[in-house]
Amino acid sequence: MFKHLAGAFALTLALTGCGESPETESSASSDSTSVAQNSAATTGLTVYKSPTCGCCEDWITHMEGGGFEAAIEHPSRMATIKAQLGIAPEYASCHTGVSEEGYIFEGHVPAKLVRQFLNSPPENALGLAVPRMPVGSPGMEMGERFDPYDVLLLKTDGSSEIYARIETPEQQY
């Protein structure tokens, strides 16, 4: 079902994005040590973000260190992308990752939880979200500052539940 949704989404983007001219770039981790430390194979994500967002770049670096490879898109209408993917405004953050299988990873979700989710996706799951931009989450590091946060499981019916509670920085890695 998610492969079908991902294909439909790609077609919708192609049809609606003709006048928007989104920029595209590919990014891959060149740090073979980080990837070698991850026991799983590299997994592709398409990441939708603003071209000027530094915390999004930091999150992508975190994900690449966790064995993910990012294809980066810079759409001019992020709200439209999020709506097409089924992300309600209350779950939104600054960037959206979409796995090859069509699962959504909204905001500063730790790579280890993305990997855990992809290894065993819950039934009727849309993906995971970290709404807003919690200080200390991957990509939002600010020295020693850290605010505990919830990682939400987004469901295909529009509801959510807590997937994981992150109480300390160490729980993210």
N, C-alpha and C. Protein backbone atom coordinates (compact mmCIF):
# COMPACT_ATOMS: atom_id res chain seq x y z
N MET A 1 0.82 -1.19 0.00
CA MET A 1 0.00 0.00 0.00
C MET A 1 0.86 1.26 0.00
N PHE A 2 1.95 1.29 0.79
CA PHE A 2 2.77 2.49 0.88
C PHE A 2 3.56 2.73 -0.39
N LYS A 3 3.97 1.64 -1.09
CA LYS A 3 4.65 1.83 -2.37
C LYS A 3 3.70 2.48 -3.36
N HIS A 4 2.42 2.08 -3.32
CA HIS A 4 1.42 2.67 -4.19
C HIS A 4 1.22 4.14 -3.84
N LEU A 5 1.14 4.46 -2.55
CA LEU A 5 0.99 5.85 -2.12
C LEU A 5 2.20 6.68 -2.51
N ALA A 6 3.40 6.11 -2.38
CA ALA A 6 4.61 6.84 -2.75
C ALA A 6 4.60 7.14 -4.24
N GLY A 7 4.17 6.17 -5.06
CA GLY A 7 4.10 6.39 -6.50
C GLY A 7 3.08 7.45 -6.85
N ALA A 8 1.91 7.39 -6.20
CA ALA A 8 0.88 8.40 -6.44
C ALA A 8 1.35 9.77 -6.00
N PHE A 9 2.07 9.83 -4.89
CA PHE A 9 2.60 11.10 -4.40
C PHE A 9 3.60 11.66 -5.39
N ALA A 10 4.49 10.81 -5.92
CA ALA A 10 5.49 11.27 -6.88
C ALA A 10 4.82 11.81 -8.13
N LEU A 11 3.76 11.14 -8.60
CA LEU A 11 3.03 11.63 -9.76
C LEU A 11 2.36 12.96 -9.46
N THR A 12 1.75 13.08 -8.27
CA THR A 12 1.11 14.34 -7.88
C THR A 12 2.14 15.46 -7.84
N LEU A 13 3.31 15.20 -7.28
CA LEU A 13 4.36 16.22 -7.23
C LEU A 13 4.78 16.63 -8.63
N ALA A 14 4.92 15.64 -9.52
CA ALA A 14 5.34 15.95 -10.88
C ALA A 14 4.31 16.82 -11.58
N LEU A 15 3.03 16.54 -11.34
CA LEU A 15 1.98 17.31 -12.00
C LEU A 15 1.79 18.69 -11.38
N THR A 16 1.86 18.78 -10.05
CA THR A 16 1.62 20.07 -9.40
C THR A 16 2.87 20.92 -9.29
N GLY A 17 4.03 20.30 -9.38
CA GLY A 17 5.26 21.04 -9.18
C GLY A 17 5.84 21.66 -10.43
N CYS A 18 5.16 21.54 -11.58
CA CYS A 18 5.72 22.04 -12.83
C CYS A 18 6.09 23.51 -12.75
N GLY A 19 5.26 24.31 -12.13
CA GLY A 19 5.54 25.74 -12.06
C GLY A 19 6.38 26.14 -10.86
N GLU A 20 6.69 25.20 -9.97
CA GLU A 20 7.39 25.55 -8.75
C GLU A 20 8.91 25.42 -8.86
N SER A 21 9.41 24.71 -9.84
CA SER A 21 10.84 24.52 -10.07
C SER A 21 11.62 24.20 -8.80
N PRO A 22 11.27 23.13 -8.07
CA PRO A 22 12.05 22.80 -6.89
C PRO A 22 13.46 22.40 -7.27
N GLU A 23 14.42 22.82 -6.46
CA GLU A 23 15.81 22.43 -6.68
C GLU A 23 16.00 21.04 -6.10
N THR A 24 16.88 20.27 -6.69
CA THR A 24 17.16 18.93 -6.20
C THR A 24 18.66 18.74 -6.09
N GLU A 25 19.07 18.12 -5.02
CA GLU A 25 20.47 17.74 -4.89
C GLU A 25 20.51 16.42 -4.16
N SER A 26 21.53 15.64 -4.42
CA SER A 26 21.71 14.39 -3.71
C SER A 26 22.83 14.56 -2.72
N SER A 27 22.69 13.89 -1.60
CA SER A 27 23.71 13.97 -0.56
C SER A 27 23.96 12.57 -0.05
N ALA A 28 25.21 12.19 0.04
CA ALA A 28 25.55 10.87 0.56
C ALA A 28 26.68 11.01 1.56
N SER A 29 26.66 10.17 2.55
CA SER A 29 27.70 10.22 3.58
C SER A 29 29.02 9.74 3.00
N SER A 30 30.07 10.53 3.22
CA SER A 30 31.39 10.10 2.79
C SER A 30 32.17 9.52 3.96
N ASP A 31 31.56 9.51 5.12
CA ASP A 31 32.23 8.97 6.30
C ASP A 31 31.94 7.49 6.40
N SER A 32 32.80 6.66 5.81
CA SER A 32 32.56 5.23 5.79
C SER A 32 32.62 4.62 7.19
N THR A 33 33.30 5.26 8.12
CA THR A 33 33.37 4.74 9.48
C THR A 33 31.99 4.77 10.12
N SER A 34 31.26 5.89 9.97
CA SER A 34 29.92 5.99 10.56
C SER A 34 29.00 4.93 10.00
N VAL A 35 29.02 4.79 8.68
CA VAL A 35 28.14 3.83 8.05
C VAL A 35 28.54 2.41 8.43
N ALA A 36 29.84 2.16 8.51
CA ALA A 36 30.31 0.82 8.87
C ALA A 36 29.88 0.45 10.28
N GLN A 37 29.75 1.46 11.15
CA GLN A 37 29.33 1.19 12.52
C GLN A 37 27.87 0.79 12.58
N ASN A 38 27.09 1.16 11.57
CA ASN A 38 25.69 0.80 11.53
C ASN A 38 25.58 -0.57 10.88
N SER A 39 24.93 -1.52 11.56
CA SER A 39 24.88 -2.89 11.08
C SER A 39 23.93 -3.06 9.91
N ALA A 40 23.03 -2.13 9.67
CA ALA A 40 22.05 -2.25 8.59
C ALA A 40 22.61 -1.62 7.32
N ALA A 41 22.07 -2.03 6.19
CA ALA A 41 22.47 -1.47 4.91
C ALA A 41 21.96 -0.04 4.80
N THR A 42 22.56 0.72 3.89
CA THR A 42 22.13 2.09 3.66
C THR A 42 20.69 2.11 3.19
N THR A 43 19.92 3.03 3.72
CA THR A 43 18.51 3.18 3.38
C THR A 43 18.30 4.57 2.81
N GLY A 44 17.58 4.65 1.72
CA GLY A 44 17.32 5.94 1.09
C GLY A 44 16.15 6.67 1.70
N LEU A 45 16.31 7.98 1.82
CA LEU A 45 15.24 8.88 2.25
C LEU A 45 15.20 10.06 1.28
N THR A 46 14.02 10.51 0.95
CA THR A 46 13.88 11.79 0.26
C THR A 46 13.52 12.79 1.34
N VAL A 47 14.29 13.87 1.43
CA VAL A 47 14.08 14.87 2.48
C VAL A 47 13.64 16.17 1.82
N TYR A 48 12.48 16.66 2.24
CA TYR A 48 11.93 17.93 1.76
C TYR A 48 12.25 18.98 2.81
N LYS A 49 12.93 20.07 2.37
CA LYS A 49 13.36 21.10 3.31
C LYS A 49 13.59 22.41 2.59
N SER A 50 13.72 23.47 3.37
CA SER A 50 14.11 24.77 2.83
C SER A 50 15.59 24.72 2.47
N PRO A 51 16.00 25.40 1.39
CA PRO A 51 17.42 25.38 1.03
C PRO A 51 18.32 26.11 2.03
N THR A 52 17.74 26.92 2.91
CA THR A 52 18.55 27.70 3.85
C THR A 52 18.50 27.21 5.29
N CYS A 53 17.85 26.09 5.55
CA CYS A 53 17.67 25.63 6.93
C CYS A 53 18.88 24.84 7.42
N GLY A 54 19.60 25.40 8.39
CA GLY A 54 20.78 24.74 8.96
C GLY A 54 20.46 23.54 9.81
N CYS A 55 19.37 23.60 10.60
CA CYS A 55 19.06 22.46 11.47
C CYS A 55 18.63 21.26 10.64
N CYS A 56 18.01 21.51 9.48
CA CYS A 56 17.65 20.41 8.59
C CYS A 56 18.91 19.73 8.06
N GLU A 57 19.90 20.53 7.70
CA GLU A 57 21.18 19.98 7.24
C GLU A 57 21.83 19.15 8.34
N ASP A 58 21.76 19.65 9.58
CA ASP A 58 22.34 18.91 10.70
C ASP A 58 21.61 17.59 10.93
N TRP A 59 20.28 17.58 10.76
CA TRP A 59 19.51 16.34 10.91
C TRP A 59 19.90 15.35 9.81
N ILE A 60 20.07 15.85 8.59
CA ILE A 60 20.48 14.98 7.48
C ILE A 60 21.85 14.37 7.78
N THR A 61 22.77 15.15 8.31
CA THR A 61 24.08 14.63 8.69
C THR A 61 23.93 13.53 9.75
N HIS A 62 23.05 13.76 10.72
CA HIS A 62 22.76 12.74 11.75
C HIS A 62 22.23 11.46 11.10
N MET A 63 21.31 11.61 10.16
CA MET A 63 20.73 10.45 9.50
C MET A 63 21.78 9.70 8.68
N GLU A 64 22.64 10.43 7.97
CA GLU A 64 23.69 9.79 7.19
C GLU A 64 24.65 9.02 8.09
N GLY A 65 24.92 9.56 9.28
CA GLY A 65 25.75 8.85 10.24
C GLY A 65 25.09 7.58 10.75
N GLY A 66 23.76 7.50 10.62
CA GLY A 66 23.00 6.32 11.02
C GLY A 66 22.74 5.36 9.88
N GLY A 67 23.41 5.57 8.74
CA GLY A 67 23.27 4.62 7.63
C GLY A 67 22.20 4.96 6.62
N PHE A 68 21.74 6.20 6.61
CA PHE A 68 20.74 6.62 5.64
C PHE A 68 21.41 7.47 4.56
N GLU A 69 20.86 7.43 3.38
CA GLU A 69 21.33 8.28 2.29
C GLU A 69 20.19 9.20 1.90
N ALA A 70 20.46 10.50 1.83
CA ALA A 70 19.40 11.48 1.60
C ALA A 70 19.45 12.05 0.19
N ALA A 71 18.31 12.04 -0.46
CA ALA A 71 18.09 12.80 -1.69
C ALA A 71 17.30 14.02 -1.24
N ILE A 72 17.84 15.19 -1.45
CA ILE A 72 17.26 16.40 -0.89
C ILE A 72 16.46 17.16 -1.94
N GLU A 73 15.25 17.55 -1.55
CA GLU A 73 14.36 18.35 -2.41
C GLU A 73 14.09 19.67 -1.70
N HIS A 74 14.04 20.74 -2.47
CA HIS A 74 13.74 22.07 -1.93
C HIS A 74 12.47 22.62 -2.57
N PRO A 75 11.31 22.10 -2.17
CA PRO A 75 10.06 22.59 -2.76
C PRO A 75 9.74 24.01 -2.28
N SER A 76 9.03 24.76 -3.10
CA SER A 76 8.68 26.12 -2.71
C SER A 76 7.46 26.15 -1.78
N ARG A 77 6.73 25.05 -1.72
CA ARG A 77 5.52 25.00 -0.89
C ARG A 77 5.55 23.79 0.05
N MET A 78 6.24 23.95 1.15
CA MET A 78 6.36 22.85 2.12
C MET A 78 5.01 22.45 2.70
N ALA A 79 4.13 23.41 2.96
CA ALA A 79 2.82 23.09 3.53
C ALA A 79 2.02 22.19 2.59
N THR A 80 2.16 22.41 1.30
CA THR A 80 1.47 21.58 0.32
C THR A 80 2.00 20.16 0.35
N ILE A 81 3.33 20.02 0.42
CA ILE A 81 3.95 18.69 0.50
C ILE A 81 3.44 17.96 1.73
N LYS A 82 3.47 18.63 2.88
CA LYS A 82 3.04 18.01 4.13
C LYS A 82 1.57 17.57 4.05
N ALA A 83 0.72 18.44 3.49
CA ALA A 83 -0.70 18.10 3.35
C ALA A 83 -0.89 16.89 2.44
N GLN A 84 -0.16 16.85 1.33
CA GLN A 84 -0.28 15.71 0.40
C GLN A 84 0.19 14.41 1.05
N LEU A 85 1.14 14.51 1.97
CA LEU A 85 1.63 13.32 2.66
C LEU A 85 0.76 12.91 3.84
N GLY A 86 -0.21 13.73 4.21
CA GLY A 86 -1.10 13.39 5.31
C GLY A 86 -0.60 13.85 6.66
N ILE A 87 0.32 14.82 6.70
CA ILE A 87 0.85 15.32 7.96
C ILE A 87 -0.01 16.50 8.43
N ALA A 88 -0.72 16.30 9.52
CA ALA A 88 -1.57 17.36 10.07
C ALA A 88 -0.68 18.48 10.63
N PRO A 89 -1.15 19.73 10.60
CA PRO A 89 -0.35 20.86 11.07
C PRO A 89 0.20 20.69 12.49
N GLU A 90 -0.53 20.02 13.37
CA GLU A 90 -0.07 19.87 14.75
C GLU A 90 1.13 18.94 14.88
N TYR A 91 1.45 18.20 13.83
CA TYR A 91 2.60 17.30 13.84
C TYR A 91 3.79 17.85 13.06
N ALA A 92 3.63 19.03 12.48
CA ALA A 92 4.62 19.57 11.56
C ALA A 92 5.89 20.06 12.25
N SER A 93 6.96 20.01 11.47
CA SER A 93 8.26 20.54 11.86
C SER A 93 8.86 21.19 10.62
N CYS A 94 10.18 21.36 10.60
CA CYS A 94 10.80 22.11 9.51
C CYS A 94 11.13 21.27 8.28
N HIS A 95 11.24 19.96 8.41
CA HIS A 95 11.56 19.12 7.25
C HIS A 95 10.79 17.81 7.34
N THR A 96 10.70 17.14 6.20
CA THR A 96 9.98 15.88 6.10
C THR A 96 10.83 14.88 5.33
N GLY A 97 11.05 13.72 5.92
CA GLY A 97 11.73 12.63 5.23
C GLY A 97 10.73 11.57 4.82
N VAL A 98 10.93 11.00 3.65
CA VAL A 98 10.06 9.94 3.16
C VAL A 98 10.95 8.76 2.76
N SER A 99 10.66 7.59 3.34
CA SER A 99 11.45 6.39 3.06
C SER A 99 11.08 5.83 1.69
N GLU A 100 11.91 4.92 1.21
CA GLU A 100 11.65 4.25 -0.06
C GLU A 100 10.31 3.51 -0.04
N GLU A 101 9.90 3.09 1.15
CA GLU A 101 8.62 2.37 1.29
C GLU A 101 7.43 3.32 1.40
N GLY A 102 7.70 4.62 1.50
CA GLY A 102 6.62 5.60 1.59
C GLY A 102 6.27 6.05 2.99
N TYR A 103 7.05 5.64 4.00
CA TYR A 103 6.79 6.07 5.36
C TYR A 103 7.33 7.49 5.57
N ILE A 104 6.68 8.24 6.44
CA ILE A 104 6.98 9.64 6.70
C ILE A 104 7.76 9.77 8.01
N PHE A 105 8.79 10.64 7.98
CA PHE A 105 9.56 10.96 9.19
C PHE A 105 9.62 12.48 9.27
N GLU A 106 8.76 13.03 10.10
CA GLU A 106 8.56 14.47 10.19
C GLU A 106 9.39 15.05 11.33
N GLY A 107 10.27 15.98 10.99
CA GLY A 107 11.04 16.67 12.02
C GLY A 107 12.26 15.90 12.47
N HIS A 108 12.70 16.21 13.67
CA HIS A 108 13.99 15.76 14.20
C HIS A 108 13.91 14.38 14.87
N VAL A 109 13.42 13.40 14.12
CA VAL A 109 13.31 12.02 14.61
C VAL A 109 14.71 11.40 14.63
N PRO A 110 15.13 10.80 15.75
CA PRO A 110 16.45 10.15 15.81
C PRO A 110 16.57 9.01 14.80
N ALA A 111 17.74 8.90 14.17
CA ALA A 111 17.99 7.85 13.18
C ALA A 111 17.74 6.46 13.74
N LYS A 112 18.11 6.24 15.00
CA LYS A 112 17.92 4.89 15.57
C LYS A 112 16.44 4.52 15.64
N LEU A 113 15.56 5.50 15.86
CA LEU A 113 14.13 5.21 15.90
C LEU A 113 13.55 5.04 14.50
N VAL A 114 14.10 5.76 13.52
CA VAL A 114 13.68 5.55 12.13
C VAL A 114 14.04 4.13 11.72
N ARG A 115 15.26 3.70 12.04
CA ARG A 115 15.70 2.34 11.70
C ARG A 115 14.83 1.30 12.41
N GLN A 116 14.55 1.51 13.70
CA GLN A 116 13.70 0.58 14.47
C GLN A 116 12.32 0.49 13.83
N PHE A 117 11.76 1.64 13.46
CA PHE A 117 10.44 1.67 12.82
C PHE A 117 10.46 0.91 11.50
N LEU A 118 11.44 1.19 10.65
CA LEU A 118 11.50 0.55 9.34
C LEU A 118 11.74 -0.95 9.44
N ASN A 119 12.42 -1.40 10.49
CA ASN A 119 12.64 -2.83 10.68
C ASN A 119 11.36 -3.56 11.06
N SER A 120 10.40 -2.85 11.65
CA SER A 120 9.14 -3.47 12.07
C SER A 120 8.04 -2.42 12.11
N PRO A 121 7.56 -1.99 10.94
CA PRO A 121 6.54 -0.94 10.92
C PRO A 121 5.23 -1.40 11.58
N PRO A 122 4.71 -0.58 12.49
CA PRO A 122 3.43 -0.93 13.10
C PRO A 122 2.31 -0.92 12.06
N GLU A 123 1.30 -1.72 12.31
CA GLU A 123 0.15 -1.77 11.41
C GLU A 123 -0.53 -0.40 11.34
N ASN A 124 -0.97 -0.02 10.17
CA ASN A 124 -1.67 1.26 9.92
C ASN A 124 -0.84 2.49 10.26
N ALA A 125 0.48 2.37 10.13
CA ALA A 125 1.36 3.49 10.44
C ALA A 125 1.63 4.33 9.20
N LEU A 126 1.61 5.64 9.38
CA LEU A 126 2.02 6.59 8.35
C LEU A 126 3.51 6.87 8.51
N GLY A 127 3.97 6.94 9.78
CA GLY A 127 5.38 7.21 10.06
C GLY A 127 5.56 7.75 11.46
N LEU A 128 6.65 8.48 11.67
CA LEU A 128 6.98 9.05 12.97
C LEU A 128 7.12 10.57 12.85
N ALA A 129 6.86 11.26 13.95
CA ALA A 129 7.01 12.71 13.96
C ALA A 129 7.54 13.21 15.29
N VAL A 130 8.37 14.24 15.20
CA VAL A 130 8.77 15.03 16.36
C VAL A 130 8.30 16.45 16.04
N PRO A 131 7.10 16.80 16.50
CA PRO A 131 6.56 18.12 16.19
C PRO A 131 7.45 19.24 16.72
N ARG A 132 7.37 20.35 16.03
CA ARG A 132 8.15 21.54 16.36
C ARG A 132 9.64 21.21 16.28
N MET A 133 10.45 21.80 17.09
CA MET A 133 11.90 21.63 17.00
C MET A 133 12.50 21.58 18.41
N PRO A 134 12.38 20.45 19.12
CA PRO A 134 12.87 20.38 20.50
C PRO A 134 14.38 20.61 20.61
N VAL A 135 14.77 21.45 21.53
CA VAL A 135 16.19 21.73 21.78
C VAL A 135 16.88 20.45 22.23
N GLY A 136 17.99 20.13 21.56
CA GLY A 136 18.76 18.95 21.91
C GLY A 136 18.44 17.73 21.06
N SER A 137 17.34 17.77 20.28
CA SER A 137 17.04 16.66 19.40
C SER A 137 18.05 16.66 18.25
N PRO A 138 18.20 15.53 17.52
CA PRO A 138 19.19 15.48 16.43
C PRO A 138 18.99 16.62 15.43
N GLY A 139 20.02 17.42 15.27
CA GLY A 139 19.96 18.59 14.39
C GLY A 139 19.65 19.87 15.13
N MET A 140 19.18 19.77 16.37
CA MET A 140 18.83 20.94 17.19
C MET A 140 19.71 21.05 18.43
N GLU A 141 20.91 20.50 18.34
CA GLU A 141 21.83 20.53 19.47
C GLU A 141 22.23 21.98 19.78
N MET A 142 22.25 22.31 21.07
CA MET A 142 22.63 23.65 21.54
C MET A 142 23.46 23.48 22.80
N GLY A 143 24.69 23.05 22.62
CA GLY A 143 25.56 22.82 23.77
C GLY A 143 24.99 21.75 24.67
N GLU A 144 24.91 22.06 25.96
CA GLU A 144 24.41 21.11 26.95
C GLU A 144 22.89 21.16 27.13
N ARG A 145 22.23 22.11 26.46
CA ARG A 145 20.77 22.24 26.62
C ARG A 145 20.06 21.05 26.00
N PHE A 146 19.02 20.57 26.70
CA PHE A 146 18.23 19.45 26.20
C PHE A 146 16.85 19.51 26.82
N ASP A 147 15.83 19.46 25.97
CA ASP A 147 14.44 19.38 26.42
C ASP A 147 13.90 18.00 26.07
N PRO A 148 13.44 17.22 27.05
CA PRO A 148 12.83 15.92 26.74
C PRO A 148 11.68 16.11 25.74
N TYR A 149 11.46 15.06 24.92
CA TYR A 149 10.41 15.17 23.89
C TYR A 149 9.85 13.80 23.57
N ASP A 150 8.68 13.82 22.94
CA ASP A 150 8.03 12.60 22.49
C ASP A 150 8.23 12.43 20.99
N VAL A 151 8.42 11.19 20.57
CA VAL A 151 8.39 10.83 19.16
C VAL A 151 7.02 10.18 18.97
N LEU A 152 6.24 10.74 18.06
CA LEU A 152 4.87 10.27 17.85
C LEU A 152 4.78 9.29 16.69
N LEU A 153 3.95 8.28 16.86
CA LEU A 153 3.59 7.37 15.78
C LEU A 153 2.38 7.97 15.09
N LEU A 154 2.52 8.35 13.82
CA LEU A 154 1.41 8.86 13.05
C LEU A 154 0.71 7.69 12.37
N LYS A 155 -0.61 7.69 12.46
CA LYS A 155 -1.39 6.60 11.89
C LYS A 155 -2.13 7.05 10.64
N THR A 156 -2.45 6.09 9.79
CA THR A 156 -3.11 6.40 8.52
C THR A 156 -4.50 7.00 8.71
N ASP A 157 -5.11 6.82 9.87
CA ASP A 157 -6.44 7.41 10.12
C ASP A 157 -6.35 8.84 10.64
N GLY A 158 -5.13 9.40 10.73
CA GLY A 158 -4.95 10.77 11.19
C GLY A 158 -4.67 10.90 12.68
N SER A 159 -4.76 9.81 13.42
CA SER A 159 -4.49 9.86 14.86
C SER A 159 -3.00 9.65 15.12
N SER A 160 -2.62 9.77 16.38
CA SER A 160 -1.23 9.54 16.77
C SER A 160 -1.18 8.96 18.18
N GLU A 161 -0.03 8.41 18.51
CA GLU A 161 0.24 7.94 19.87
C GLU A 161 1.74 8.08 20.10
N ILE A 162 2.13 8.03 21.35
CA ILE A 162 3.56 8.13 21.66
C ILE A 162 4.25 6.84 21.25
N TYR A 163 5.27 6.96 20.42
CA TYR A 163 6.09 5.84 19.97
C TYR A 163 7.28 5.66 20.92
N ALA A 164 7.87 6.78 21.33
CA ALA A 164 9.01 6.76 22.26
C ALA A 164 9.08 8.09 22.99
N ARG A 165 9.55 8.04 24.22
CA ARG A 165 9.78 9.25 25.02
C ARG A 165 11.29 9.37 25.18
N ILE A 166 11.83 10.50 24.76
CA ILE A 166 13.26 10.75 24.86
C ILE A 166 13.49 11.67 26.05
N GLU A 167 14.07 11.12 27.12
CA GLU A 167 14.29 11.87 28.36
C GLU A 167 15.71 12.43 28.47
N THR A 168 16.67 11.78 27.79
CA THR A 168 18.08 12.21 27.87
C THR A 168 18.68 12.21 26.46
N PRO A 169 19.72 13.01 26.25
CA PRO A 169 20.36 13.02 24.93
C PRO A 169 20.88 11.63 24.51
N GLU A 170 21.37 10.86 25.46
CA GLU A 170 21.93 9.54 25.16
C GLU A 170 20.89 8.58 24.56
N GLN A 171 19.63 8.76 24.88
CA GLN A 171 18.58 7.88 24.35
C GLN A 171 18.38 8.04 22.85
N GLN A 172 18.94 9.08 22.28
CA GLN A 172 18.75 9.36 20.85
C GLN A 172 19.72 8.57 19.96
N TYR A 173 20.78 8.00 20.57
CA TYR A 173 21.85 7.41 19.75
C TYR A 173 22.04 5.94 20.03
